[in-house]
């Protein structure tokens, strides 16, 4: 009973904060400078009818690459925040978004904010993030479930995000906010193309043992038994 009352009070406080932020002029609102949206990393479709809620080997490598790519190429020396689609802590369902951000969290020392209610409140969470004063002027990296990513984007002020194909794990969306402008400026990027940029090649040339190990593992899996 007490837990329910506390939860209700927290929801009311969040709604009050959102209402207050809506009354502020656009220039006075606390908004991040940049929001980076990514879908969770690659997954395999189970062939035996079982449940596998984890990243595939390709998805793990993708997450490791993002942990170097994003700080080097998109958010160098900027205050970083991380947010993830929530998952079932008993079964692990929907854990891929959180798994995608773990290497970046380890590399940067930034904690991941987990949204357990994301499956039914993605749009509201987007508005909540824009109203969070802790994100003001910083960079927010968000990993989300692809079917609800357009709802999150709508809450973040981008109402025209297209549907994401089931097999698309490559795209990165940058939402850049400017004072007094109600909607963000959106840039679409490809992870594959970013991996060819000098900013990424420079940091990988320094050597990252865990990423090299994952690359070797993936290569051996693709080669099959000898």
C-alpha atoms as a PDB file:
ATOM      1  CA  UNK A   1       0.000   0.000   0.000  1.00  0.00           C
ATOM      2  CA  UNK A   2       2.796   2.393   0.971  1.00  0.00           C
ATOM      3  CA  UNK A   3       4.741   1.496  -2.183  1.00  0.00           C
ATOM      4  CA  UNK A   4       1.680   2.213  -4.321  1.00  0.00           C
ATOM      5  CA  UNK A   5       1.203   5.598  -2.668  1.00  0.00           C
ATOM      6  CA  UNK A   6       4.852   6.513  -3.188  1.00  0.00           C
ATOM      7  CA  UNK A   7       4.669   5.418  -6.829  1.00  0.00           C
ATOM      8  CA  UNK A   8       1.526   7.511  -7.374  1.00  0.00           C
ATOM      9  CA  UNK A   9       3.152  10.509  -5.717  1.00  0.00           C
ATOM     10  CA  UNK A  10       6.200  10.181  -7.952  1.00  0.00           C
ATOM     11  CA  UNK A  11       3.994  10.038 -11.042  1.00  0.00           C
ATOM     12  CA  UNK A  12       2.114  13.150  -9.903  1.00  0.00           C
ATOM     13  CA  UNK A  13       5.389  14.959  -9.260  1.00  0.00           C
ATOM     14  CA  UNK A  14       6.608  14.029 -12.730  1.00  0.00           C
ATOM     15  CA  UNK A  15       3.397  15.306 -14.312  1.00  0.00           C
ATOM     16  CA  UNK A  16       3.657  18.519 -12.341  1.00  0.00           C
ATOM     17  CA  UNK A  17       7.212  19.001 -13.586  1.00  0.00           C
ATOM     18  CA  UNK A  18       6.137  18.472 -17.164  1.00  0.00           C
ATOM     19  CA  UNK A  19       3.262  20.917 -16.778  1.00  0.00           C
ATOM     20  CA  UNK A  20       5.558  23.524 -15.278  1.00  0.00           C
ATOM     21  CA  UNK A  21       8.074  23.117 -18.089  1.00  0.00           C
ATOM     22  CA  UNK A  22       5.329  23.604 -20.669  1.00  0.00           C
ATOM     23  CA  UNK A  23       4.583  27.038 -19.154  1.00  0.00           C
ATOM     24  CA  UNK A  24       8.161  28.208 -19.578  1.00  0.00           C
ATOM     25  CA  UNK A  25       9.236  30.078 -22.696  1.00  0.00           C
ATOM     26  CA  UNK A  26      11.227  27.895 -25.094  1.00  0.00           C
ATOM     27  CA  UNK A  27      14.498  29.678 -24.369  1.00  0.00           C
ATOM     28  CA  UNK A  28      14.114  29.039 -20.620  1.00  0.00           C
ATOM     29  CA  UNK A  29      13.501  25.317 -20.835  1.00  0.00           C
ATOM     30  CA  UNK A  30      16.231  22.967 -19.692  1.00  0.00           C
ATOM     31  CA  UNK A  31      16.944  20.832 -22.736  1.00  0.00           C
ATOM     32  CA  UNK A  32      19.956  18.754 -23.774  1.00  0.00           C
ATOM     33  CA  UNK A  33      22.176  20.135 -26.491  1.00  0.00           C
ATOM     34  CA  UNK A  34      22.082  16.834 -28.364  1.00  0.00           C
ATOM     35  CA  UNK A  35      20.149  13.565 -28.174  1.00  0.00           C
ATOM     36  CA  UNK A  36      21.627  10.515 -29.920  1.00  0.00           C
ATOM     37  CA  UNK A  37      19.059   7.820 -30.703  1.00  0.00           C
ATOM     38  CA  UNK A  38      20.087   4.264 -31.522  1.00  0.00           C
ATOM     39  CA  UNK A  39      18.176   1.061 -31.794  1.00  0.00           C
ATOM     40  CA  UNK A  40      19.590  -1.767 -29.703  1.00  0.00           C
ATOM     41  CA  UNK A  41      22.302  -3.859 -31.336  1.00  0.00           C
ATOM     42  CA  UNK A  42      21.812  -6.784 -33.673  1.00  0.00           C
ATOM     43  CA  UNK A  43      19.842  -9.808 -32.523  1.00  0.00           C
ATOM     44  CA  UNK A  44      19.454 -13.360 -33.788  1.00  0.00           C
ATOM     45  CA  UNK A  45      16.026 -14.844 -34.405  1.00  0.00           C
ATOM     46  CA  UNK A  46      15.781 -18.105 -32.396  1.00  0.00           C
ATOM     47  CA  UNK A  47      15.441 -21.072 -34.751  1.00  0.00           C
ATOM     48  CA  UNK A  48      14.313 -23.588 -32.119  1.00  0.00           C
ATOM     49  CA  UNK A  49      11.307 -21.625 -30.898  1.00  0.00           C
ATOM     50  CA  UNK A  50      13.032 -20.657 -27.644  1.00  0.00           C
ATOM     51  CA  UNK A  51      13.495 -17.207 -26.154  1.00  0.00           C
ATOM     52  CA  UNK A  52      16.773 -15.352 -26.537  1.00  0.00           C
ATOM     53  CA  UNK A  53      16.566 -11.783 -25.311  1.00  0.00           C
ATOM     54  CA  UNK A  54      20.278 -11.034 -25.684  1.00  0.00           C
ATOM     55  CA  UNK A  55      22.383  -9.351 -28.324  1.00  0.00           C
ATOM     56  CA  UNK A  56      23.892 -11.621 -30.930  1.00  0.00           C
ATOM     57  CA  UNK A  57      27.679 -11.855 -31.299  1.00  0.00           C
ATOM     58  CA  UNK A  58      27.358  -9.221 -34.040  1.00  0.00           C
ATOM     59  CA  UNK A  59      25.312  -7.041 -31.677  1.00  0.00           C
ATOM     60  CA  UNK A  60      27.952  -7.334 -28.941  1.00  0.00           C
ATOM     61  CA  UNK A  61      30.657  -6.220 -31.356  1.00  0.00           C
ATOM     62  CA  UNK A  62      28.411  -3.385 -32.487  1.00  0.00           C
ATOM     63  CA  UNK A  63      27.981  -2.229 -28.885  1.00  0.00           C
ATOM     64  CA  UNK A  64      31.728  -2.345 -28.285  1.00  0.00           C
ATOM     65  CA  UNK A  65      32.352  -0.274 -31.397  1.00  0.00           C
ATOM     66  CA  UNK A  66      29.743   2.289 -30.341  1.00  0.00           C
ATOM     67  CA  UNK A  67      31.506   2.680 -27.001  1.00  0.00           C
ATOM     68  CA  UNK A  68      34.516   4.096 -28.893  1.00  0.00           C
ATOM     69  CA  UNK A  69      32.698   5.616 -31.846  1.00  0.00           C
ATOM     70  CA  UNK A  70      30.286   7.873 -29.969  1.00  0.00           C
ATOM     71  CA  UNK A  71      32.792   9.556 -27.617  1.00  0.00           C
ATOM     72  CA  UNK A  72      35.348  10.006 -30.413  1.00  0.00           C
ATOM     73  CA  UNK A  73      33.142  11.159 -33.284  1.00  0.00           C
ATOM     74  CA  UNK A  74      29.858  12.531 -31.946  1.00  0.00           C
ATOM     75  CA  UNK A  75      30.211  13.633 -28.314  1.00  0.00           C
ATOM     76  CA  UNK A  76      33.904  14.432 -27.675  1.00  0.00           C
ATOM     77  CA  UNK A  77      34.555  16.088 -24.313  1.00  0.00           C
ATOM     78  CA  UNK A  78      30.881  16.777 -23.655  1.00  0.00           C
ATOM     79  CA  UNK A  79      28.814  15.968 -20.565  1.00  0.00           C
ATOM     80  CA  UNK A  80      27.218  12.603 -21.291  1.00  0.00           C
ATOM     81  CA  UNK A  81      24.018  10.910 -20.081  1.00  0.00           C
ATOM     82  CA  UNK A  82      22.737   7.440 -20.944  1.00  0.00           C
ATOM     83  CA  UNK A  83      19.141   6.169 -21.065  1.00  0.00           C
ATOM     84  CA  UNK A  84      17.822   2.716 -21.912  1.00  0.00           C
ATOM     85  CA  UNK A  85      14.566   0.980 -22.676  1.00  0.00           C
ATOM     86  CA  UNK A  86      13.600  -1.069 -19.633  1.00  0.00           C
ATOM     87  CA  UNK A  87      13.670  -4.853 -19.386  1.00  0.00           C
ATOM     88  CA  UNK A  88      12.139  -7.624 -17.316  1.00  0.00           C
ATOM     89  CA  UNK A  89      14.624  -8.334 -14.548  1.00  0.00           C
ATOM     90  CA  UNK A  90      13.247 -11.832 -14.056  1.00  0.00           C
ATOM     91  CA  UNK A  91      13.250 -13.119 -17.639  1.00  0.00           C
ATOM     92  CA  UNK A  92      15.633 -10.652 -19.292  1.00  0.00           C
ATOM     93  CA  UNK A  93      13.062  -9.749 -21.961  1.00  0.00           C
ATOM     94  CA  UNK A  94      13.961  -6.493 -23.788  1.00  0.00           C
ATOM     95  CA  UNK A  95      17.475  -6.490 -22.275  1.00  0.00           C
ATOM     96  CA  UNK A  96      19.199  -5.704 -25.587  1.00  0.00           C
ATOM     97  CA  UNK A  97      18.923  -1.918 -25.277  1.00  0.00           C
ATOM     98  CA  UNK A  98      20.603  -2.004 -21.871  1.00  0.00           C
ATOM     99  CA  UNK A  99      23.238  -4.448 -23.150  1.00  0.00           C
ATOM    100  CA  UNK A 100      23.951  -2.091 -26.056  1.00  0.00           C
ATOM    101  CA  UNK A 101      24.860   0.737 -23.675  1.00  0.00           C
ATOM    102  CA  UNK A 102      26.945  -1.269 -21.189  1.00  0.00           C
ATOM    103  CA  UNK A 103      30.289  -0.938 -23.063  1.00  0.00           C
ATOM    104  CA  UNK A 104      29.726   2.819 -23.425  1.00  0.00           C
ATOM    105  CA  UNK A 105      28.874   3.089 -19.727  1.00  0.00           C
ATOM    106  CA  UNK A 106      32.041   1.173 -18.811  1.00  0.00           C
ATOM    107  CA  UNK A 107      34.198   3.265 -21.170  1.00  0.00           C
ATOM    108  CA  UNK A 108      32.881   6.605 -19.892  1.00  0.00           C
ATOM    109  CA  UNK A 109      31.970   5.877 -16.278  1.00  0.00           C
ATOM    110  CA  UNK A 110      28.415   7.136 -16.851  1.00  0.00           C
ATOM    111  CA  UNK A 111      25.501   5.302 -15.252  1.00  0.00           C
ATOM    112  CA  UNK A 112      22.561   4.125 -17.348  1.00  0.00           C
ATOM    113  CA  UNK A 113      19.101   5.450 -16.526  1.00  0.00           C
ATOM    114  CA  UNK A 114      16.644   2.603 -17.034  1.00  0.00           C
ATOM    115  CA  UNK A 115      12.993   3.242 -17.920  1.00  0.00           C
ATOM    116  CA  UNK A 116      10.969   0.214 -16.855  1.00  0.00           C
ATOM    117  CA  UNK A 117       7.714   1.735 -18.126  1.00  0.00           C
ATOM    118  CA  UNK A 118       9.052   2.304 -21.648  1.00  0.00           C
ATOM    119  CA  UNK A 119       6.794  -0.279 -23.270  1.00  0.00           C
ATOM    120  CA  UNK A 120       3.703   1.860 -22.636  1.00  0.00           C
ATOM    121  CA  UNK A 121       5.055   5.368 -21.891  1.00  0.00           C
ATOM    122  CA  UNK A 122       7.730   6.054 -24.494  1.00  0.00           C
ATOM    123  CA  UNK A 123       6.244   9.349 -25.687  1.00  0.00           C
ATOM    124  CA  UNK A 124       5.784  10.599 -22.122  1.00  0.00           C
ATOM    125  CA  UNK A 125       9.360   9.586 -21.304  1.00  0.00           C
ATOM    126  CA  UNK A 126      10.583  11.702 -24.220  1.00  0.00           C
ATOM    127  CA  UNK A 127       8.842  14.753 -22.785  1.00  0.00           C
ATOM    128  CA  UNK A 128      10.153  13.878 -19.331  1.00  0.00           C
ATOM    129  CA  UNK A 129      13.732  13.794 -20.607  1.00  0.00           C
ATOM    130  CA  UNK A 130      13.382  17.211 -22.226  1.00  0.00           C
ATOM    131  CA  UNK A 131      12.137  18.610 -18.909  1.00  0.00           C
ATOM    132  CA  UNK A 132      14.986  17.107 -16.849  1.00  0.00           C
ATOM    133  CA  UNK A 133      17.272  19.957 -15.683  1.00  0.00           C
ATOM    134  CA  UNK A 134      20.162  17.531 -15.179  1.00  0.00           C
ATOM    135  CA  UNK A 135      20.335  17.080 -18.967  1.00  0.00           C
ATOM    136  CA  UNK A 136      20.455  20.794 -19.703  1.00  0.00           C
ATOM    137  CA  UNK A 137      23.232  21.528 -22.201  1.00  0.00           C
ATOM    138  CA  UNK A 138      24.516  17.951 -22.155  1.00  0.00           C
ATOM    139  CA  UNK A 139      24.434  15.012 -24.551  1.00  0.00           C
ATOM    140  CA  UNK A 140      21.968  12.175 -24.061  1.00  0.00           C
ATOM    141  CA  UNK A 141      22.524   8.796 -25.724  1.00  0.00           C
ATOM    142  CA  UNK A 142      19.394   6.633 -25.821  1.00  0.00           C
ATOM    143  CA  UNK A 143      19.130   2.951 -26.802  1.00  0.00           C
ATOM    144  CA  UNK A 144      15.524   1.862 -27.407  1.00  0.00           C
ATOM    145  CA  UNK A 145      13.244  -0.803 -28.831  1.00  0.00           C
ATOM    146  CA  UNK A 146      12.654  -0.044 -32.515  1.00  0.00           C
ATOM    147  CA  UNK A 147       8.851  -0.190 -32.584  1.00  0.00           C
ATOM    148  CA  UNK A 148       8.597   2.407 -29.811  1.00  0.00           C
ATOM    149  CA  UNK A 149      11.504   4.594 -30.893  1.00  0.00           C
ATOM    150  CA  UNK A 150       9.221   6.842 -33.027  1.00  0.00           C
ATOM    151  CA  UNK A 151       7.008   7.372 -29.962  1.00  0.00           C
ATOM    152  CA  UNK A 152      10.037   8.406 -27.915  1.00  0.00           C
ATOM    153  CA  UNK A 153      11.119  10.742 -30.726  1.00  0.00           C
ATOM    154  CA  UNK A 154       7.665  12.347 -30.731  1.00  0.00           C
ATOM    155  CA  UNK A 155       8.024  13.116 -27.050  1.00  0.00           C
ATOM    156  CA  UNK A 156      11.455  14.581 -27.814  1.00  0.00           C
ATOM    157  CA  UNK A 157       9.880  16.987 -30.297  1.00  0.00           C
ATOM    158  CA  UNK A 158      10.426  15.082 -33.544  1.00  0.00           C
ATOM    159  CA  UNK A 159       7.008  14.041 -34.785  1.00  0.00           C
ATOM    160  CA  UNK A 160       8.016  12.687 -38.205  1.00  0.00           C
ATOM    161  CA  UNK A 161      10.340   9.796 -37.362  1.00  0.00           C
ATOM    162  CA  UNK A 162       9.586   7.002 -39.854  1.00  0.00           C
ATOM    163  CA  UNK A 163       8.961   3.388 -39.001  1.00  0.00           C
ATOM    164  CA  UNK A 164      12.140   1.358 -38.481  1.00  0.00           C
ATOM    165  CA  UNK A 165      12.530  -1.891 -40.398  1.00  0.00           C
ATOM    166  CA  UNK A 166      12.887  -5.065 -38.355  1.00  0.00           C
ATOM    167  CA  UNK A 167      16.335  -5.779 -39.849  1.00  0.00           C
ATOM    168  CA  UNK A 168      17.727  -2.241 -39.546  1.00  0.00           C
ATOM    169  CA  UNK A 169      20.340  -2.050 -36.781  1.00  0.00           C
ATOM    170  CA  UNK A 170      22.611   0.502 -38.460  1.00  0.00           C
ATOM    171  CA  UNK A 171      21.091   3.951 -38.222  1.00  0.00           C
ATOM    172  CA  UNK A 172      21.897   6.699 -35.720  1.00  0.00           C
ATOM    173  CA  UNK A 173      19.701   9.763 -35.326  1.00  0.00           C
ATOM    174  CA  UNK A 174      21.058  13.040 -33.960  1.00  0.00           C
ATOM    175  CA  UNK A 175      18.524  15.466 -32.485  1.00  0.00           C
ATOM    176  CA  UNK A 176      20.177  18.846 -31.949  1.00  0.00           C
ATOM    177  CA  UNK A 177      18.356  21.491 -29.929  1.00  0.00           C
ATOM    178  CA  UNK A 178      18.721  25.244 -30.191  1.00  0.00           C
ATOM    179  CA  UNK A 179      17.337  27.944 -27.867  1.00  0.00           C
ATOM    180  CA  UNK A 180      13.879  29.252 -28.780  1.00  0.00           C
ATOM    181  CA  UNK A 181      13.366  26.530 -31.423  1.00  0.00           C
ATOM    182  CA  UNK A 182      10.605  24.073 -30.391  1.00  0.00           C
ATOM    183  CA  UNK A 183      11.679  21.207 -32.662  1.00  0.00           C
ATOM    184  CA  UNK A 184      15.135  19.635 -32.957  1.00  0.00           C
ATOM    185  CA  UNK A 185      17.287  19.613 -36.067  1.00  0.00           C
ATOM    186  CA  UNK A 186      17.547  15.944 -37.086  1.00  0.00           C
ATOM    187  CA  UNK A 187      20.523  14.291 -38.785  1.00  0.00           C
ATOM    188  CA  UNK A 188      20.526  10.672 -39.942  1.00  0.00           C
ATOM    189  CA  UNK A 189      23.829   8.781 -39.875  1.00  0.00           C
ATOM    190  CA  UNK A 190      25.003   5.239 -40.571  1.00  0.00           C
ATOM    191  CA  UNK A 191      27.088   3.351 -38.039  1.00  0.00           C
ATOM    192  CA  UNK A 192      28.833   1.497 -40.862  1.00  0.00           C
ATOM    193  CA  UNK A 193      29.895   4.739 -42.530  1.00  0.00           C
ATOM    194  CA  UNK A 194      30.998   6.298 -39.235  1.00  0.00           C
ATOM    195  CA  UNK A 195      33.314   3.348 -38.644  1.00  0.00           C
ATOM    196  CA  UNK A 196      35.252   4.475 -41.729  1.00  0.00           C
ATOM    197  CA  UNK A 197      35.858   7.994 -40.386  1.00  0.00           C
ATOM    198  CA  UNK A 198      39.266   9.110 -39.124  1.00  0.00           C
ATOM    199  CA  UNK A 199      37.848   9.963 -35.680  1.00  0.00           C
ATOM    200  CA  UNK A 200      37.015   6.281 -35.138  1.00  0.00           C
ATOM    201  CA  UNK A 201      40.083   4.857 -36.870  1.00  0.00           C
ATOM    202  CA  UNK A 202      42.335   6.941 -34.633  1.00  0.00           C
ATOM    203  CA  UNK A 203      40.923   5.576 -31.369  1.00  0.00           C
ATOM    204  CA  UNK A 204      40.811   1.966 -32.589  1.00  0.00           C
ATOM    205  CA  UNK A 205      44.423   2.227 -33.711  1.00  0.00           C
ATOM    206  CA  UNK A 206      45.303   2.627 -30.031  1.00  0.00           C
ATOM    207  CA  UNK A 207      44.037  -0.905 -29.444  1.00  0.00           C
ATOM    208  CA  UNK A 208      41.101  -2.114 -27.383  1.00  0.00           C
ATOM    209  CA  UNK A 209      41.658  -5.717 -26.197  1.00  0.00           C
ATOM    210  CA  UNK A 210      37.996  -6.568 -25.526  1.00  0.00           C
ATOM    211  CA  UNK A 211      36.880  -5.318 -28.939  1.00  0.00           C
ATOM    212  CA  UNK A 212      39.702  -7.231 -30.668  1.00  0.00           C
ATOM    213  CA  UNK A 213      38.672 -10.365 -28.789  1.00  0.00           C
ATOM    214  CA  UNK A 214      35.047  -9.928 -29.910  1.00  0.00           C
ATOM    215  CA  UNK A 215      36.146  -9.371 -33.513  1.00  0.00           C
ATOM    216  CA  UNK A 216      38.255 -12.545 -33.422  1.00  0.00           C
ATOM    217  CA  UNK A 217      35.353 -14.492 -31.902  1.00  0.00           C
ATOM    218  CA  UNK A 218      32.960 -13.289 -34.579  1.00  0.00           C
ATOM    219  CA  UNK A 219      35.439 -14.078 -37.326  1.00  0.00           C
ATOM    220  CA  UNK A 220      35.911 -17.622 -36.005  1.00  0.00           C
ATOM    221  CA  UNK A 221      32.133 -18.150 -35.836  1.00  0.00           C
ATOM    222  CA  UNK A 222      31.714 -17.026 -39.417  1.00  0.00           C
ATOM    223  CA  UNK A 223      34.495 -19.354 -40.570  1.00  0.00           C
ATOM    224  CA  UNK A 224      32.872 -22.333 -38.871  1.00  0.00           C
ATOM    225  CA  UNK A 225      34.648 -25.509 -37.698  1.00  0.00           C
ATOM    226  CA  UNK A 226      37.878 -26.448 -39.442  1.00  0.00           C
END
